[in-house]
Structures are given as C-alpha cells and as structure tokens.
PDB file of N, CA and C in Angstrom:
ATOM      1  N   MET A   1    -100.605  85.425 -44.553  1.00  0.00           N
ATOM      2  CA  MET A   1     -99.714  84.298 -44.357  1.00  0.00           C
ATOM      3  C   MET A   1     -99.475  83.569 -45.683  1.00  0.00           C
ATOM      4  N   ARG A   2    -100.559  83.347 -46.424  1.00  0.00           N
ATOM      5  CA  ARG A   2    -100.411  82.667 -47.715  1.00  0.00           C
ATOM      6  C   ARG A   2     -99.581  83.490 -48.678  1.00  0.00           C
ATOM      7  N   LEU A   3     -99.791  84.817 -48.658  1.00  0.00           N
ATOM      8  CA  LEU A   3     -99.047  85.694 -49.551  1.00  0.00           C
ATOM      9  C   LEU A   3     -97.556  85.630 -49.256  1.00  0.00           C
ATOM     10  N   ALA A   4     -97.193  85.591 -47.995  1.00  0.00           N
ATOM     11  CA  ALA A   4     -95.787  85.509 -47.621  1.00  0.00           C
ATOM     12  C   ALA A   4     -95.176  84.184 -48.083  1.00  0.00           C
ATOM     13  N   ALA A   5     -95.894  83.103 -47.897  1.00  0.00           N
ATOM     14  CA  ALA A   5     -95.404  81.798 -48.335  1.00  0.00           C
ATOM     15  C   ALA A   5     -95.276  81.746 -49.850  1.00  0.00           C
ATOM     16  N   PHE A   6     -96.250  82.331 -50.539  1.00  0.00           N
ATOM     17  CA  PHE A   6     -96.221  82.361 -51.997  1.00  0.00           C
ATOM     18  C   PHE A   6     -95.030  83.184 -52.489  1.00  0.00           C
ATOM     19  N   THR A   7     -94.789  84.321 -51.851  1.00  0.00           N
ATOM     20  CA  THR A   7     -93.676  85.184 -52.222  1.00  0.00           C
ATOM     21  C   THR A   7     -92.349  84.469 -52.024  1.00  0.00           C
ATOM     22  N   ILE A   8     -92.194  83.823 -50.915  1.00  0.00           N
ATOM     23  CA  ILE A   8     -90.955  83.089 -50.639  1.00  0.00           C
ATOM     24  C   ILE A   8     -90.754  81.970 -51.651  1.00  0.00           C
ATOM     25  N   ALA A   9     -91.806  81.255 -51.986  1.00  0.00           N
ATOM     26  CA  ALA A   9     -91.710  80.179 -52.974  1.00  0.00           C
ATOM     27  C   ALA A   9     -91.306  80.730 -54.338  1.00  0.00           C
ATOM     28  N   LEU A  10     -91.867  81.865 -54.711  1.00  0.00           N
ATOM     29  CA  LEU A  10     -91.507  82.480 -55.988  1.00  0.00           C
ATOM     30  C   LEU A  10     -90.041  82.893 -56.022  1.00  0.00           C
ATOM     31  N   ILE A  11     -89.590  83.485 -54.947  1.00  0.00           N
ATOM     32  CA  ILE A  11     -88.205  83.936 -54.889  1.00  0.00           C
ATOM     33  C   ILE A  11     -87.253  82.751 -54.983  1.00  0.00           C
ATOM     34  N   LEU A  12     -87.559  81.689 -54.274  1.00  0.00           N
ATOM     35  CA  LEU A  12     -86.706  80.506 -54.327  1.00  0.00           C
ATOM     36  C   LEU A  12     -86.712  79.867 -55.700  1.00  0.00           C
ATOM     37  N   SER A  13     -87.875  79.815 -56.347  1.00  0.00           N
ATOM     38  CA  SER A  13     -87.937  79.216 -57.680  1.00  0.00           C
ATOM     39  C   SER A  13     -87.207  80.080 -58.691  1.00  0.00           C
ATOM     40  N   LEU A  14     -87.245  81.392 -58.520  1.00  0.00           N
ATOM     41  CA  LEU A  14     -86.530  82.285 -59.415  1.00  0.00           C
ATOM     42  C   LEU A  14     -85.028  82.049 -59.312  1.00  0.00           C
ATOM     43  N   GLY A  15     -84.529  81.908 -58.105  1.00  0.00           N
ATOM     44  CA  GLY A  15     -83.105  81.684 -57.911  1.00  0.00           C
ATOM     45  C   GLY A  15     -82.641  80.390 -58.558  1.00  0.00           C
ATOM     46  N   ALA A  16     -83.443  79.367 -58.497  1.00  0.00           N
ATOM     47  CA  ALA A  16     -83.078  78.088 -59.095  1.00  0.00           C
ATOM     48  C   ALA A  16     -83.157  78.144 -60.609  1.00  0.00           C
ATOM     49  N   ALA A  17     -84.057  78.958 -61.133  1.00  0.00           N
ATOM     50  CA  ALA A  17     -84.254  79.021 -62.573  1.00  0.00           C
ATOM     51  C   ALA A  17     -83.323  80.026 -63.243  1.00  0.00           C
ATOM     52  N   GLN A  18     -82.555  80.764 -62.473  1.00  0.00           N
ATOM     53  CA  GLN A  18     -81.723  81.828 -63.024  1.00  0.00           C
ATOM     54  C   GLN A  18     -80.455  81.226 -63.614  1.00  0.00           C
ATOM     55  N   ALA A  19     -80.509  80.818 -64.875  1.00  0.00           N
ATOM     56  CA  ALA A  19     -79.361  80.205 -65.522  1.00  0.00           C
ATOM     57  C   ALA A  19     -78.724  81.148 -66.533  1.00  0.00           C
ATOM     58  N   ALA A  20     -79.399  82.215 -66.884  1.00  0.00           N
ATOM     59  CA  ALA A  20     -78.888  83.151 -67.866  1.00  0.00           C
ATOM     60  C   ALA A  20     -77.725  83.949 -67.287  1.00  0.00           C
ATOM     61  N   GLU A  21     -76.883  84.440 -68.181  1.00  0.00           N
ATOM     62  CA  GLU A  21     -75.770  85.269 -67.744  1.00  0.00           C
ATOM     63  C   GLU A  21     -76.278  86.576 -67.165  1.00  0.00           C
ATOM     64  N   THR A  22     -75.588  87.082 -66.185  1.00  0.00           N
ATOM     65  CA  THR A  22     -75.957  88.359 -65.593  1.00  0.00           C
ATOM     66  C   THR A  22     -75.339  89.490 -66.414  1.00  0.00           C
ATOM     67  N   CYS A  23     -75.829  90.695 -66.196  1.00  0.00           N
ATOM     68  CA  CYS A  23     -75.274  91.873 -66.873  1.00  0.00           C
ATOM     69  C   CYS A  23     -73.786  92.004 -66.560  1.00  0.00           C
ATOM     70  N   ARG A  24     -73.456  91.794 -65.291  1.00  0.00           N
ATOM     71  CA  ARG A  24     -72.059  91.929 -64.873  1.00  0.00           C
ATOM     72  C   ARG A  24     -71.170  90.903 -65.576  1.00  0.00           C
ATOM     73  N   SER A  25     -71.617  89.654 -65.667  1.00  0.00           N
ATOM     74  CA  SER A  25     -70.790  88.637 -66.318  1.00  0.00           C
ATOM     75  C   SER A  25     -70.674  88.891 -67.819  1.00  0.00           C
ATOM     76  N   GLN A  26     -71.731  89.427 -68.424  1.00  0.00           N
ATOM     77  CA  GLN A  26     -71.661  89.771 -69.850  1.00  0.00           C
ATOM     78  C   GLN A  26     -70.654  90.895 -70.081  1.00  0.00           C
ATOM     79  N   ALA A  27     -70.674  91.896 -69.212  1.00  0.00           N
ATOM     80  CA  ALA A  27     -69.719  93.006 -69.334  1.00  0.00           C
ATOM     81  C   ALA A  27     -68.291  92.508 -69.135  1.00  0.00           C
ATOM     82  N   ASP A  28     -68.097  91.592 -68.200  1.00  0.00           N
ATOM     83  CA  ASP A  28     -66.771  91.016 -67.969  1.00  0.00           C
ATOM     84  C   ASP A  28     -66.309  90.224 -69.183  1.00  0.00           C
ATOM     85  N   ASP A  29     -67.215  89.426 -69.762  1.00  0.00           N
ATOM     86  CA  ASP A  29     -66.872  88.631 -70.941  1.00  0.00           C
ATOM     87  C   ASP A  29     -66.466  89.520 -72.118  1.00  0.00           C
ATOM     88  N   LYS A  30     -67.124  90.659 -72.232  1.00  0.00           N
ATOM     89  CA  LYS A  30     -66.817  91.596 -73.320  1.00  0.00           C
ATOM     90  C   LYS A  30     -65.626  92.492 -72.982  1.00  0.00           C
ATOM     91  N   LYS A  31     -65.102  92.343 -71.764  1.00  0.00           N
ATOM     92  CA  LYS A  31     -63.963  93.125 -71.281  1.00  0.00           C
ATOM     93  C   LYS A  31     -64.221  94.630 -71.396  1.00  0.00           C
ATOM     94  N   LEU A  32     -65.439  95.031 -70.993  1.00  0.00           N
ATOM     95  CA  LEU A  32     -65.801  96.442 -71.036  1.00  0.00           C
ATOM     96  C   LEU A  32     -65.276  97.166 -69.812  1.00  0.00           C
ATOM     97  N   ALA A  33     -64.915  98.434 -70.001  1.00  0.00           N
ATOM     98  CA  ALA A  33     -64.421  99.264 -68.902  1.00  0.00           C
ATOM     99  C   ALA A  33     -64.859 100.703 -69.129  1.00  0.00           C
ATOM    100  N   GLY A  34     -64.848 101.470 -68.065  1.00  0.00           N
ATOM    101  CA  GLY A  34     -65.130 102.894 -68.156  1.00  0.00           C
ATOM    102  C   GLY A  34     -66.546 103.195 -68.622  1.00  0.00           C
ATOM    103  N   ALA A  35     -66.654 104.184 -69.513  1.00  0.00           N
ATOM    104  CA  ALA A  35     -67.956 104.647 -69.998  1.00  0.00           C
ATOM    105  C   ALA A  35     -68.699 103.554 -70.775  1.00  0.00           C
ATOM    106  N   ALA A  36     -67.977 102.732 -71.503  1.00  0.00           N
ATOM    107  CA  ALA A  36     -68.616 101.661 -72.263  1.00  0.00           C
ATOM    108  C   ALA A  36     -69.293 100.667 -71.319  1.00  0.00           C
ATOM    109  N   ARG A  37     -68.613 100.344 -70.227  1.00  0.00           N
ATOM    110  CA  ARG A  37     -69.185  99.414 -69.245  1.00  0.00           C
ATOM    111  C   ARG A  37     -70.406 100.038 -68.562  1.00  0.00           C
ATOM    112  N   THR A  38     -70.281 101.304 -68.181  1.00  0.00           N
ATOM    113  CA  THR A  38     -71.390 101.989 -67.523  1.00  0.00           C
ATOM    114  C   THR A  38     -72.613 102.027 -68.427  1.00  0.00           C
ATOM    115  N   SER A  39     -72.407 102.367 -69.682  1.00  0.00           N
ATOM    116  CA  SER A  39     -73.508 102.426 -70.644  1.00  0.00           C
ATOM    117  C   SER A  39     -74.140 101.055 -70.840  1.00  0.00           C
ATOM    118  N   PHE A  40     -73.304 100.043 -71.003  1.00  0.00           N
ATOM    119  CA  PHE A  40     -73.804  98.679 -71.186  1.00  0.00           C
ATOM    120  C   PHE A  40     -74.597  98.219 -69.968  1.00  0.00           C
ATOM    121  N   MET A  41     -74.058  98.453 -68.787  1.00  0.00           N
ATOM    122  CA  MET A  41     -74.724  98.025 -67.555  1.00  0.00           C
ATOM    123  C   MET A  41     -76.077  98.714 -67.383  1.00  0.00           C
ATOM    124  N   THR A  42     -76.124 100.005 -67.662  1.00  0.00           N
ATOM    125  CA  THR A  42     -77.379 100.749 -67.538  1.00  0.00           C
ATOM    126  C   THR A  42     -78.442 100.177 -68.458  1.00  0.00           C
ATOM    127  N   LYS A  43     -78.093  99.953 -69.718  1.00  0.00           N
ATOM    128  CA  LYS A  43     -79.054  99.419 -70.674  1.00  0.00           C
ATOM    129  C   LYS A  43     -79.452  97.988 -70.324  1.00  0.00           C
ATOM    130  N   CYS A  44     -78.491  97.179 -69.957  1.00  0.00           N
ATOM    131  CA  CYS A  44     -78.761  95.786 -69.608  1.00  0.00           C
ATOM    132  C   CYS A  44     -79.684  95.703 -68.388  1.00  0.00           C
ATOM    133  N   GLU A  45     -79.411  96.509 -67.364  1.00  0.00           N
ATOM    134  CA  GLU A  45     -80.239  96.492 -66.153  1.00  0.00           C
ATOM    135  C   GLU A  45     -81.652  96.986 -66.448  1.00  0.00           C
ATOM    136  N   LYS A  46     -81.778  97.997 -67.303  1.00  0.00           N
ATOM    137  CA  LYS A  46     -83.089  98.521 -67.673  1.00  0.00           C
ATOM    138  C   LYS A  46     -83.881  97.454 -68.447  1.00  0.00           C
ATOM    139  N   ASP A  47     -83.208  96.774 -69.380  1.00  0.00           N
ATOM    140  CA  ASP A  47     -83.860  95.708 -70.146  1.00  0.00           C
ATOM    141  C   ASP A  47     -84.267  94.543 -69.243  1.00  0.00           C
ATOM    142  N   SER A  48     -83.405  94.193 -68.304  1.00  0.00           N
ATOM    143  CA  SER A  48     -83.690  93.098 -67.383  1.00  0.00           C
ATOM    144  C   SER A  48     -84.889  93.419 -66.491  1.00  0.00           C
ATOM    145  N   THR A  49     -84.949  94.650 -66.014  1.00  0.00           N
ATOM    146  CA  THR A  49     -86.076  95.068 -65.178  1.00  0.00           C
ATOM    147  C   THR A  49     -87.375  95.000 -65.971  1.00  0.00           C
ATOM    148  N   ALA A  50     -87.330  95.407 -67.229  1.00  0.00           N
ATOM    149  CA  ALA A  50     -88.522  95.337 -68.081  1.00  0.00           C
ATOM    150  C   ALA A  50     -88.969  93.886 -68.267  1.00  0.00           C
ATOM    151  N   GLU A  51     -88.022  92.982 -68.447  1.00  0.00           N
ATOM    152  CA  GLU A  51     -88.349  91.554 -68.576  1.00  0.00           C
ATOM    153  C   GLU A  51     -88.955  91.020 -67.285  1.00  0.00           C
ATOM    154  N   CYS A  52     -88.427  91.443 -66.159  1.00  0.00           N
ATOM    155  CA  CYS A  52     -88.957  91.010 -64.865  1.00  0.00           C
ATOM    156  C   CYS A  52     -90.387  91.519 -64.675  1.00  0.00           C
ATOM    157  N   GLU A  53     -90.637  92.763 -65.066  1.00  0.00           N
ATOM    158  CA  GLU A  53     -91.985  93.325 -64.989  1.00  0.00           C
ATOM    159  C   GLU A  53     -92.955  92.525 -65.858  1.00  0.00           C
ATOM    160  N   THR A  54     -92.514  92.178 -67.062  1.00  0.00           N
ATOM    161  CA  THR A  54     -93.348  91.386 -67.972  1.00  0.00           C
ATOM    162  C   THR A  54     -93.652  90.018 -67.372  1.00  0.00           C
ATOM    163  N   THR A  55     -92.648  89.390 -66.794  1.00  0.00           N
ATOM    164  CA  THR A  55     -92.838  88.087 -66.161  1.00  0.00           C
ATOM    165  C   THR A  55     -93.814  88.187 -64.996  1.00  0.00           C
ATOM    166  N   ALA A  56     -93.692  89.243 -64.203  1.00  0.00           N
ATOM    167  CA  ALA A  56     -94.601  89.447 -63.066  1.00  0.00           C
ATOM    168  C   ALA A  56     -96.035  89.621 -63.555  1.00  0.00           C
ATOM    169  N   THR A  57     -96.212  90.315 -64.664  1.00  0.00           N
ATOM    170  CA  THR A  57     -97.548  90.504 -65.237  1.00  0.00           C
ATOM    171  C   THR A  57     -98.115  89.173 -65.718  1.00  0.00           C
ATOM    172  N   LYS A  58     -97.291  88.392 -66.398  1.00  0.00           N
ATOM    173  CA  LYS A  58     -97.734  87.080 -66.887  1.00  0.00           C
ATOM    174  C   LYS A  58     -98.125  86.164 -65.736  1.00  0.00           C
ATOM    175  N   ARG A  59     -97.422  86.288 -64.618  1.00  0.00           N
ATOM    176  CA  ARG A  59     -97.721  85.456 -63.453  1.00  0.00           C
ATOM    177  C   ARG A  59     -98.843  86.039 -62.598  1.00  0.00           C
ATOM    178  N   GLU A  60     -99.378  87.176 -63.043  1.00  0.00           N
ATOM    179  CA  GLU A  60    -100.481  87.850 -62.371  1.00  0.00           C
ATOM    180  C   GLU A  60    -100.153  88.189 -60.918  1.00  0.00           C
ATOM    181  N   LEU A  61     -98.929  88.656 -60.696  1.00  0.00           N
ATOM    182  CA  LEU A  61     -98.515  89.060 -59.356  1.00  0.00           C
ATOM    183  C   LEU A  61     -98.964  90.486 -59.093  1.00  0.00           C
ATOM    184  N   ALA A  62     -99.284  90.776 -57.851  1.00  0.00           N
ATOM    185  CA  ALA A  62     -99.702  92.120 -57.470  1.00  0.00           C
ATOM    186  C   ALA A  62     -99.200  92.432 -56.066  1.00  0.00           C
ATOM    187  N   GLY A  63     -99.144  93.712 -55.757  1.00  0.00           N
ATOM    188  CA  GLY A  63     -98.780  94.153 -54.418  1.00  0.00           C
ATOM    189  C   GLY A  63     -97.372  93.767 -54.011  1.00  0.00           C
ATOM    190  N   ALA A  64     -97.256  93.302 -52.785  1.00  0.00           N
ATOM    191  CA  ALA A  64     -95.951  92.970 -52.202  1.00  0.00           C
ATOM    192  C   ALA A  64     -95.276  91.819 -52.942  1.00  0.00           C
ATOM    193  N   ALA A  65     -96.062  90.863 -53.407  1.00  0.00           N
ATOM    194  CA  ALA A  65     -95.481  89.730 -54.134  1.00  0.00           C
ATOM    195  C   ALA A  65     -94.825  90.215 -55.421  1.00  0.00           C
ATOM    196  N   ARG A  66     -95.488  91.135 -56.132  1.00  0.00           N
ATOM    197  CA  ARG A  66     -94.945  91.675 -57.377  1.00  0.00           C
ATOM    198  C   ARG A  66     -93.670  92.471 -57.099  1.00  0.00           C
ATOM    199  N   THR A  67     -93.735  93.344 -56.106  1.00  0.00           N
ATOM    200  CA  THR A  67     -92.580  94.170 -55.763  1.00  0.00           C
ATOM    201  C   THR A  67     -91.384  93.305 -55.388  1.00  0.00           C
ATOM    202  N   SER A  68     -91.612  92.320 -54.564  1.00  0.00           N
ATOM    203  CA  SER A  68     -90.547  91.422 -54.131  1.00  0.00           C
ATOM    204  C   SER A  68     -89.961  90.656 -55.310  1.00  0.00           C
ATOM    205  N   PHE A  69     -90.833  90.139 -56.148  1.00  0.00           N
ATOM    206  CA  PHE A  69     -90.389  89.371 -57.314  1.00  0.00           C
ATOM    207  C   PHE A  69     -89.552  90.226 -58.256  1.00  0.00           C
ATOM    208  N   VAL A  70     -90.065  91.404 -58.615  1.00  0.00           N
ATOM    209  CA  VAL A  70     -89.365  92.268 -59.568  1.00  0.00           C
ATOM    210  C   VAL A  70     -88.028  92.721 -59.000  1.00  0.00           C
ATOM    211  N   THR A  71     -87.990  93.080 -57.728  1.00  0.00           N
ATOM    212  CA  THR A  71     -86.748  93.513 -57.096  1.00  0.00           C
ATOM    213  C   THR A  71     -85.702  92.412 -57.127  1.00  0.00           C
ATOM    214  N   LYS A  72     -86.088  91.214 -56.717  1.00  0.00           N
ATOM    215  CA  LYS A  72     -85.137  90.091 -56.692  1.00  0.00           C
ATOM    216  C   LYS A  72     -84.722  89.702 -58.104  1.00  0.00           C
ATOM    217  N   CYS A  73     -85.665  89.641 -59.014  1.00  0.00           N
ATOM    218  CA  CYS A  73     -85.380  89.278 -60.394  1.00  0.00           C
ATOM    219  C   CYS A  73     -84.381  90.257 -61.023  1.00  0.00           C
ATOM    220  N   ALA A  74     -84.640  91.547 -60.871  1.00  0.00           N
ATOM    221  CA  ALA A  74     -83.760  92.561 -61.454  1.00  0.00           C
ATOM    222  C   ALA A  74     -82.367  92.520 -60.818  1.00  0.00           C
ATOM    223  N   LYS A  75     -82.321  92.320 -59.514  1.00  0.00           N
ATOM    224  CA  LYS A  75     -81.034  92.243 -58.819  1.00  0.00           C
ATOM    225  C   LYS A  75     -80.230  91.033 -59.302  1.00  0.00           C
ATOM    226  N   ASP A  76     -80.895  89.893 -59.451  1.00  0.00           N
ATOM    227  CA  ASP A  76     -80.214  88.691 -59.936  1.00  0.00           C
ATOM    228  C   ASP A  76     -79.735  88.867 -61.381  1.00  0.00           C
ATOM    229  N   ALA A  77     -80.550  89.497 -62.201  1.00  0.00           N
ATOM    230  CA  ALA A  77     -80.188  89.699 -63.603  1.00  0.00           C
ATOM    231  C   ALA A  77     -78.992  90.636 -63.733  1.00  0.00           C
ATOM    232  N   ALA A  78     -78.916  91.605 -62.840  1.00  0.00           N
ATOM    233  CA  ALA A  78     -77.808  92.549 -62.878  1.00  0.00           C
ATOM    234  C   ALA A  78     -76.507  91.913 -62.376  1.00  0.00           C
ATOM    235  N   GLY A  79     -76.642  90.926 -61.532  1.00  0.00           N
ATOM    236  CA  GLY A  79     -75.455  90.270 -60.988  1.00  0.00           C
ATOM    237  C   GLY A  79     -74.901  90.968 -59.769  1.00  0.00           C
ATOM    238  N   THR A  80     -75.766  91.671 -59.064  1.00  0.00           N
ATOM    239  CA  THR A  80     -75.311  92.391 -57.877  1.00  0.00           C
ATOM    240  C   THR A  80     -75.762  91.692 -56.624  1.00  0.00           C
TER     241      THR A  80
END
C-alpha cells in the first residue's frame, strides 16, 4: 500500500516538475522532417531514458516504483 502511494506521489511530482522541452517540441522547433527527425527523436529519447534511469538511481527507487517512474519520465520527455 505504501509503495503504491509513493509511486503515485512520484509520478505526480514528476509531471509538475516537467518544465523542459520534450523531444517532439525540440524537433518541431528545429523543423525536422523525414530521416533527420527520426534520427533526432531516436537519440533524444535514448538520452532522455538514460537521464530518467540516472534520476531513479539517485532517488534509490527499485522494483515497480522504479519501472513506473522511468516509464512515465521517458514518455513525458519524449512528448508522447
């Protein structure tokens, strides 16, 4: 029960703290299309996922809380 409440609190705090531009908005700002957009999005999403993993490690998350956090964080960073 505590783990579920903690996970929900983390997800909500992440959404409020997400002020950085998403991969999608960066690609739009750069007016990328076709292969250039695909390449940029792939690299940006991979970098964002790595940052989310690092953040999860710093927060000492494990198990379902870590999985939930990283999934939501990466999805928000990608802009999907």
